[in-house]
Amino acid sequence: MKRTHVSSSAIRSIGYDAELHLLEIEYVSGDVYLYYYVPEDEYEQLTKAESKGIYVNQRIKPKYPYNKAAA
């Protein structure tokens, strides 16, 4: 999945597969996490969020299953 670099102190890049409703986030630590069943409008709100780290912690992590991607 192609990820786009974002301006964030916590997140390096984000990608989204609209067909699978799969959100991929690469954190500045280098860890990559996959978030499942994320609606496209939620992804769009994330891309517009002033603080992407806060948005993920408050709106994505509590609502959608996720796991760390294999290295």
PDB file of N, CA and C in Angstrom:
ATOM      1  N   MET A   1       0.850  -1.179   0.000  1.00  0.00           N
ATOM      2  CA  MET A   1       0.000   0.000   0.000  1.00  0.00           C
ATOM      3  C   MET A   1       0.896   1.243   0.000  1.00  0.00           C
ATOM      4  N   LYS A   2       0.553   2.185  -0.829  1.00  0.00           N
ATOM      5  CA  LYS A   2       1.308   3.435  -0.882  1.00  0.00           C
ATOM      6  C   LYS A   2       0.874   4.323   0.279  1.00  0.00           C
ATOM      7  N   ARG A   3       1.859   4.814   1.031  1.00  0.00           N
ATOM      8  CA  ARG A   3       1.576   5.731   2.135  1.00  0.00           C
ATOM      9  C   ARG A   3       2.049   7.131   1.754  1.00  0.00           C
ATOM     10  N   THR A   4       1.372   8.121   2.317  1.00  0.00           N
ATOM     11  CA  THR A   4       1.699   9.522   2.090  1.00  0.00           C
ATOM     12  C   THR A   4       2.312  10.096   3.352  1.00  0.00           C
ATOM     13  N   HIS A   5       3.423  10.798   3.197  1.00  0.00           N
ATOM     14  CA  HIS A   5       4.067  11.451   4.337  1.00  0.00           C
ATOM     15  C   HIS A   5       3.132  12.518   4.895  1.00  0.00           C
ATOM     16  N   VAL A   6       3.069  12.591   6.230  1.00  0.00           N
ATOM     17  CA  VAL A   6       2.234  13.602   6.878  1.00  0.00           C
ATOM     18  C   VAL A   6       3.074  14.415   7.854  1.00  0.00           C
ATOM     19  N   SER A   7       2.611  15.611   8.131  1.00  0.00           N
ATOM     20  CA  SER A   7       3.265  16.484   9.101  1.00  0.00           C
ATOM     21  C   SER A   7       2.712  16.153  10.480  1.00  0.00           C
ATOM     22  N   SER A   8       3.517  15.448  11.277  1.00  0.00           N
ATOM     23  CA  SER A   8       3.086  15.013  12.600  1.00  0.00           C
ATOM     24  C   SER A   8       4.317  14.660  13.418  1.00  0.00           C
ATOM     25  N   SER A   9       4.250  14.906  14.714  1.00  0.00           N
ATOM     26  CA  SER A   9       5.363  14.526  15.582  1.00  0.00           C
ATOM     27  C   SER A   9       5.300  13.050  15.950  1.00  0.00           C
ATOM     28  N   ALA A  10       4.165  12.395  15.704  1.00  0.00           N
ATOM     29  CA  ALA A  10       3.991  10.989  16.079  1.00  0.00           C
ATOM     30  C   ALA A  10       3.900  10.049  14.879  1.00  0.00           C
ATOM     31  N   ILE A  11       3.381  10.549  13.763  1.00  0.00           N
ATOM     32  CA  ILE A  11       3.096   9.707  12.602  1.00  0.00           C
ATOM     33  C   ILE A  11       3.935  10.162  11.416  1.00  0.00           C
ATOM     34  N   ARG A  12       4.607   9.202  10.778  1.00  0.00           N
ATOM     35  CA  ARG A  12       5.436   9.517   9.617  1.00  0.00           C
ATOM     36  C   ARG A  12       4.623   9.499   8.321  1.00  0.00           C
ATOM     37  N   SER A  13       3.775   8.464   8.158  1.00  0.00           N
ATOM     38  CA  SER A  13       3.013   8.359   6.915  1.00  0.00           C
ATOM     39  C   SER A  13       1.742   7.547   7.141  1.00  0.00           C
ATOM     40  N   ILE A  14       0.773   7.778   6.253  1.00  0.00           N
ATOM     41  CA  ILE A  14      -0.486   7.038   6.323  1.00  0.00           C
ATOM     42  C   ILE A  14      -0.887   6.593   4.921  1.00  0.00           C
ATOM     43  N   GLY A  15      -1.548   5.451   4.865  1.00  0.00           N
ATOM     44  CA  GLY A  15      -2.074   4.938   3.608  1.00  0.00           C
ATOM     45  C   GLY A  15      -3.452   4.365   3.845  1.00  0.00           C
ATOM     46  N   TYR A  16      -4.225   4.247   2.778  1.00  0.00           N
ATOM     47  CA  TYR A  16      -5.587   3.741   2.924  1.00  0.00           C
ATOM     48  C   TYR A  16      -5.985   2.951   1.692  1.00  0.00           C
ATOM     49  N   ASP A  17      -6.584   1.794   1.917  1.00  0.00           N
ATOM     50  CA  ASP A  17      -7.151   0.983   0.844  1.00  0.00           C
ATOM     51  C   ASP A  17      -8.666   1.047   0.981  1.00  0.00           C
ATOM     52  N   ALA A  18      -9.312   1.791   0.091  1.00  0.00           N
ATOM     53  CA  ALA A  18     -10.758   2.013   0.178  1.00  0.00           C
ATOM     54  C   ALA A  18     -11.550   0.730  -0.050  1.00  0.00           C
ATOM     55  N   GLU A  19     -11.031  -0.162  -0.868  1.00  0.00           N
ATOM     56  CA  GLU A  19     -11.736  -1.412  -1.143  1.00  0.00           C
ATOM     57  C   GLU A  19     -11.768  -2.316   0.093  1.00  0.00           C
ATOM     58  N   LEU A  20     -10.666  -2.347   0.834  1.00  0.00           N
ATOM     59  CA  LEU A  20     -10.565  -3.200   2.024  1.00  0.00           C
ATOM     60  C   LEU A  20     -10.902  -2.464   3.318  1.00  0.00           C
ATOM     61  N   HIS A  21     -11.080  -1.148   3.231  1.00  0.00           N
ATOM     62  CA  HIS A  21     -11.301  -0.313   4.423  1.00  0.00           C
ATOM     63  C   HIS A  21     -10.157  -0.506   5.422  1.00  0.00           C
ATOM     64  N   LEU A  22      -8.946  -0.496   4.888  1.00  0.00           N
ATOM     65  CA  LEU A  22      -7.740  -0.760   5.671  1.00  0.00           C
ATOM     66  C   LEU A  22      -6.886   0.500   5.747  1.00  0.00           C
ATOM     67  N   LEU A  23      -6.605   0.920   6.962  1.00  0.00           N
ATOM     68  CA  LEU A  23      -5.762   2.088   7.217  1.00  0.00           C
ATOM     69  C   LEU A  23      -4.405   1.596   7.690  1.00  0.00           C
ATOM     70  N   GLU A  24      -3.345   2.110   7.083  1.00  0.00           N
ATOM     71  CA  GLU A  24      -1.986   1.732   7.458  1.00  0.00           C
ATOM     72  C   GLU A  24      -1.272   2.982   7.956  1.00  0.00           C
ATOM     73  N   ILE A  25      -0.705   2.895   9.147  1.00  0.00           N
ATOM     74  CA  ILE A  25      -0.019   4.042   9.738  1.00  0.00           C
ATOM     75  C   ILE A  25       1.406   3.650  10.093  1.00  0.00           C
ATOM     76  N   GLU A  26       2.355   4.435   9.609  1.00  0.00           N
ATOM     77  CA  GLU A  26       3.751   4.285  10.000  1.00  0.00           C
ATOM     78  C   GLU A  26       4.054   5.388  11.005  1.00  0.00           C
ATOM     79  N   TYR A  27       4.478   4.966  12.195  1.00  0.00           N
ATOM     80  CA  TYR A  27       4.811   5.918  13.247  1.00  0.00           C
ATOM     81  C   TYR A  27       6.273   6.338  13.119  1.00  0.00           C
ATOM     82  N   VAL A  28       6.643   7.426  13.768  1.00  0.00           N
ATOM     83  CA  VAL A  28       8.017   7.924  13.674  1.00  0.00           C
ATOM     84  C   VAL A  28       9.016   6.911  14.227  1.00  0.00           C
ATOM     85  N   SER A  29       8.568   6.006  15.061  1.00  0.00           N
ATOM     86  CA  SER A  29       9.428   4.947  15.603  1.00  0.00           C
ATOM     87  C   SER A  29       9.808   3.935  14.531  1.00  0.00           C
ATOM     88  N   GLY A  30       9.079   3.958  13.407  1.00  0.00           N
ATOM     89  CA  GLY A  30       9.291   2.986  12.345  1.00  0.00           C
ATOM     90  C   GLY A  30       8.284   1.849  12.378  1.00  0.00           C
ATOM     91  N   ASP A  31       7.541   1.721  13.472  1.00  0.00           N
ATOM     92  CA  ASP A  31       6.508   0.691  13.574  1.00  0.00           C
ATOM     93  C   ASP A  31       5.356   1.014  12.627  1.00  0.00           C
ATOM     94  N   VAL A  32       4.800  -0.020  12.023  1.00  0.00           N
ATOM     95  CA  VAL A  32       3.661   0.124  11.123  1.00  0.00           C
ATOM     96  C   VAL A  32       2.492  -0.661  11.707  1.00  0.00           C
ATOM     97  N   TYR A  33       1.348  -0.012  11.785  1.00  0.00           N
ATOM     98  CA  TYR A  33       0.141  -0.653  12.302  1.00  0.00           C
ATOM     99  C   TYR A  33      -0.941  -0.634  11.243  1.00  0.00           C
ATOM    100  N   LEU A  34      -1.740  -1.700  11.239  1.00  0.00           N
ATOM    101  CA  LEU A  34      -2.873  -1.831  10.335  1.00  0.00           C
ATOM    102  C   LEU A  34      -4.152  -1.703  11.145  1.00  0.00           C
ATOM    103  N   TYR A  35      -5.054  -0.862  10.677  1.00  0.00           N
ATOM    104  CA  TYR A  35      -6.345  -0.630  11.332  1.00  0.00           C
ATOM    105  C   TYR A  35      -7.432  -1.089  10.365  1.00  0.00           C
ATOM    106  N   TYR A  36      -8.312  -1.969  10.844  1.00  0.00           N
ATOM    107  CA  TYR A  36      -9.290  -2.644   9.995  1.00  0.00           C
ATOM    108  C   TYR A  36     -10.679  -2.016  10.087  1.00  0.00           C
ATOM    109  N   TYR A  37     -11.423  -2.118   8.986  1.00  0.00           N
ATOM    110  CA  TYR A  37     -12.827  -1.667   8.909  1.00  0.00           C
ATOM    111  C   TYR A  37     -12.983  -0.159   9.099  1.00  0.00           C
ATOM    112  N   VAL A  38     -11.970   0.601   8.706  1.00  0.00           N
ATOM    113  CA  VAL A  38     -12.015   2.057   8.850  1.00  0.00           C
ATOM    114  C   VAL A  38     -12.734   2.644   7.633  1.00  0.00           C
ATOM    115  N   PRO A  39     -13.845   3.342   7.842  1.00  0.00           N
ATOM    116  CA  PRO A  39     -14.555   3.952   6.709  1.00  0.00           C
ATOM    117  C   PRO A  39     -13.711   5.042   6.040  1.00  0.00           C
ATOM    118  N   GLU A  40     -13.957   5.243   4.771  1.00  0.00           N
ATOM    119  CA  GLU A  40     -13.184   6.233   4.019  1.00  0.00           C
ATOM    120  C   GLU A  40     -13.329   7.634   4.605  1.00  0.00           C
ATOM    121  N   ASP A  41     -14.516   7.985   5.092  1.00  0.00           N
ATOM    122  CA  ASP A  41     -14.689   9.326   5.656  1.00  0.00           C
ATOM    123  C   ASP A  41     -13.863   9.499   6.935  1.00  0.00           C
ATOM    124  N   GLU A  42     -13.660   8.434   7.679  1.00  0.00           N
ATOM    125  CA  GLU A  42     -12.808   8.504   8.878  1.00  0.00           C
ATOM    126  C   GLU A  42     -11.359   8.770   8.465  1.00  0.00           C
ATOM    127  N   TYR A  43     -10.906   8.085   7.406  1.00  0.00           N
ATOM    128  CA  TYR A  43      -9.570   8.318   6.875  1.00  0.00           C
ATOM    129  C   TYR A  43      -9.422   9.771   6.411  1.00  0.00           C
ATOM    130  N   GLU A  44     -10.418  10.275   5.711  1.00  0.00           N
ATOM    131  CA  GLU A  44     -10.362  11.657   5.226  1.00  0.00           C
ATOM    132  C   GLU A  44     -10.290  12.649   6.382  1.00  0.00           C
ATOM    133  N   GLN A  45     -11.040  12.389   7.446  1.00  0.00           N
ATOM    134  CA  GLN A  45     -10.978  13.259   8.627  1.00  0.00           C
ATOM    135  C   GLN A  45      -9.586  13.216   9.257  1.00  0.00           C
ATOM    136  N   LEU A  46      -8.983  12.036   9.286  1.00  0.00           N
ATOM    137  CA  LEU A  46      -7.622  11.908   9.816  1.00  0.00           C
ATOM    138  C   LEU A  46      -6.649  12.759   9.008  1.00  0.00           C
ATOM    139  N   THR A  47      -6.753  12.720   7.693  1.00  0.00           N
ATOM    140  CA  THR A  47      -5.821  13.486   6.862  1.00  0.00           C
ATOM    141  C   THR A  47      -5.967  14.987   7.079  1.00  0.00           C
ATOM    142  N   LYS A  48      -7.155  15.431   7.510  1.00  0.00           N
ATOM    143  CA  LYS A  48      -7.410  16.854   7.732  1.00  0.00           C
ATOM    144  C   LYS A  48      -7.186  17.286   9.182  1.00  0.00           C
ATOM    145  N   ALA A  49      -6.982  16.331  10.065  1.00  0.00           N
ATOM    146  CA  ALA A  49      -6.871  16.641  11.495  1.00  0.00           C
ATOM    147  C   ALA A  49      -5.642  17.498  11.785  1.00  0.00           C
ATOM    148  N   GLU A  50      -5.819  18.468  12.668  1.00  0.00           N
ATOM    149  CA  GLU A  50      -4.701  19.318  13.068  1.00  0.00           C
ATOM    150  C   GLU A  50      -3.627  18.486  13.755  1.00  0.00           C
ATOM    151  N   SER A  51      -4.041  17.597  14.656  1.00  0.00           N
ATOM    152  CA  SER A  51      -3.117  16.676  15.318  1.00  0.00           C
ATOM    153  C   SER A  51      -3.502  15.252  14.941  1.00  0.00           C
ATOM    154  N   LYS A  52      -2.708  14.662  14.068  1.00  0.00           N
ATOM    155  CA  LYS A  52      -3.013  13.314  13.612  1.00  0.00           C
ATOM    156  C   LYS A  52      -2.823  12.285  14.723  1.00  0.00           C
ATOM    157  N   GLY A  53      -1.834  12.475  15.579  1.00  0.00           N
ATOM    158  CA  GLY A  53      -1.611  11.558  16.694  1.00  0.00           C
ATOM    159  C   GLY A  53      -2.784  11.541  17.659  1.00  0.00           C
ATOM    160  N   ILE A  54      -3.286  12.711  18.004  1.00  0.00           N
ATOM    161  CA  ILE A  54      -4.445  12.796  18.900  1.00  0.00           C
ATOM    162  C   ILE A  54      -5.669  12.187  18.224  1.00  0.00           C
ATOM    163  N   TYR A  55      -5.852  12.454  16.948  1.00  0.00           N
ATOM    164  CA  TYR A  55      -7.004  11.900  16.231  1.00  0.00           C
ATOM    165  C   TYR A  55      -6.972  10.375  16.274  1.00  0.00           C
ATOM    166  N   VAL A  56      -5.814   9.798  16.000  1.00  0.00           N
ATOM    167  CA  VAL A  56      -5.696   8.337  16.025  1.00  0.00           C
ATOM    168  C   VAL A  56      -5.992   7.804  17.424  1.00  0.00           C
ATOM    169  N   ASN A  57      -5.420   8.428  18.441  1.00  0.00           N
ATOM    170  CA  ASN A  57      -5.613   7.949  19.811  1.00  0.00           C
ATOM    171  C   ASN A  57      -7.050   8.087  20.292  1.00  0.00           C
ATOM    172  N   GLN A  58      -7.748   9.113  19.839  1.00  0.00           N
ATOM    173  CA  GLN A  58      -9.111   9.350  20.317  1.00  0.00           C
ATOM    174  C   GLN A  58     -10.193   8.765  19.413  1.00  0.00           C
ATOM    175  N   ARG A  59      -9.939   8.698  18.111  1.00  0.00           N
ATOM    176  CA  ARG A  59     -11.004   8.335  17.172  1.00  0.00           C
ATOM    177  C   ARG A  59     -10.774   7.012  16.439  1.00  0.00           C
ATOM    178  N   ILE A  60      -9.535   6.588  16.296  1.00  0.00           N
ATOM    179  CA  ILE A  60      -9.257   5.377  15.519  1.00  0.00           C
ATOM    180  C   ILE A  60      -9.010   4.174  16.436  1.00  0.00           C
ATOM    181  N   LYS A  61      -8.030   4.284  17.323  1.00  0.00           N
ATOM    182  CA  LYS A  61      -7.683   3.142  18.187  1.00  0.00           C
ATOM    183  C   LYS A  61      -8.851   2.602  19.008  1.00  0.00           C
ATOM    184  N   PRO A  62      -9.688   3.455  19.605  1.00  0.00           N
ATOM    185  CA  PRO A  62     -10.782   2.909  20.419  1.00  0.00           C
ATOM    186  C   PRO A  62     -11.899   2.237  19.608  1.00  0.00           C
ATOM    187  N   LYS A  63     -11.997   2.537  18.315  1.00  0.00           N
ATOM    188  CA  LYS A  63     -13.151   2.087  17.528  1.00  0.00           C
ATOM    189  C   LYS A  63     -12.867   0.925  16.580  1.00  0.00           C
ATOM    190  N   TYR A  64     -11.620   0.769  16.164  1.00  0.00           N
ATOM    191  CA  TYR A  64     -11.322  -0.190  15.107  1.00  0.00           C
ATOM    192  C   TYR A  64     -10.241  -1.173  15.553  1.00  0.00           C
ATOM    193  N   PRO A  65     -10.392  -2.457  15.179  1.00  0.00           N
ATOM    194  CA  PRO A  65      -9.353  -3.434  15.524  1.00  0.00           C
ATOM    195  C   PRO A  65      -8.071  -3.114  14.768  1.00  0.00           C
ATOM    196  N   TYR A  66      -6.951  -3.427  15.387  1.00  0.00           N
ATOM    197  CA  TYR A  66      -5.667  -3.150  14.754  1.00  0.00           C
ATOM    198  C   TYR A  66      -4.616  -4.128  15.242  1.00  0.00           C
ATOM    199  N   ASN A  67      -3.532  -4.208  14.487  1.00  0.00           N
ATOM    200  CA  ASN A  67      -2.377  -4.976  14.921  1.00  0.00           C
ATOM    201  C   ASN A  67      -1.126  -4.425  14.251  1.00  0.00           C
ATOM    202  N   LYS A  68      -0.006  -4.769  14.838  1.00  0.00           N
ATOM    203  CA  LYS A  68       1.282  -4.336  14.303  1.00  0.00           C
ATOM    204  C   LYS A  68       1.603  -5.181  13.077  1.00  0.00           C
ATOM    205  N   ALA A  69       2.033  -4.527  12.021  1.00  0.00           N
ATOM    206  CA  ALA A  69       2.381  -5.238  10.791  1.00  0.00           C
ATOM    207  C   ALA A  69       3.675  -6.019  10.996  1.00  0.00           C
ATOM    208  N   ALA A  70       3.764  -7.151  10.353  1.00  0.00           N
ATOM    209  CA  ALA A  70       4.988  -7.954  10.416  1.00  0.00           C
ATOM    210  C   ALA A  70       6.113  -7.194   9.727  1.00  0.00           C
ATOM    211  N   ALA A  71       7.298  -7.315  10.283  1.00  0.00           N
ATOM    212  CA  ALA A  71       8.458  -6.593   9.732  1.00  0.00           C
ATOM    213  C   ALA A  71       8.910  -7.179   8.418  1.00  0.00           C
TER     214      ALA A  71
END
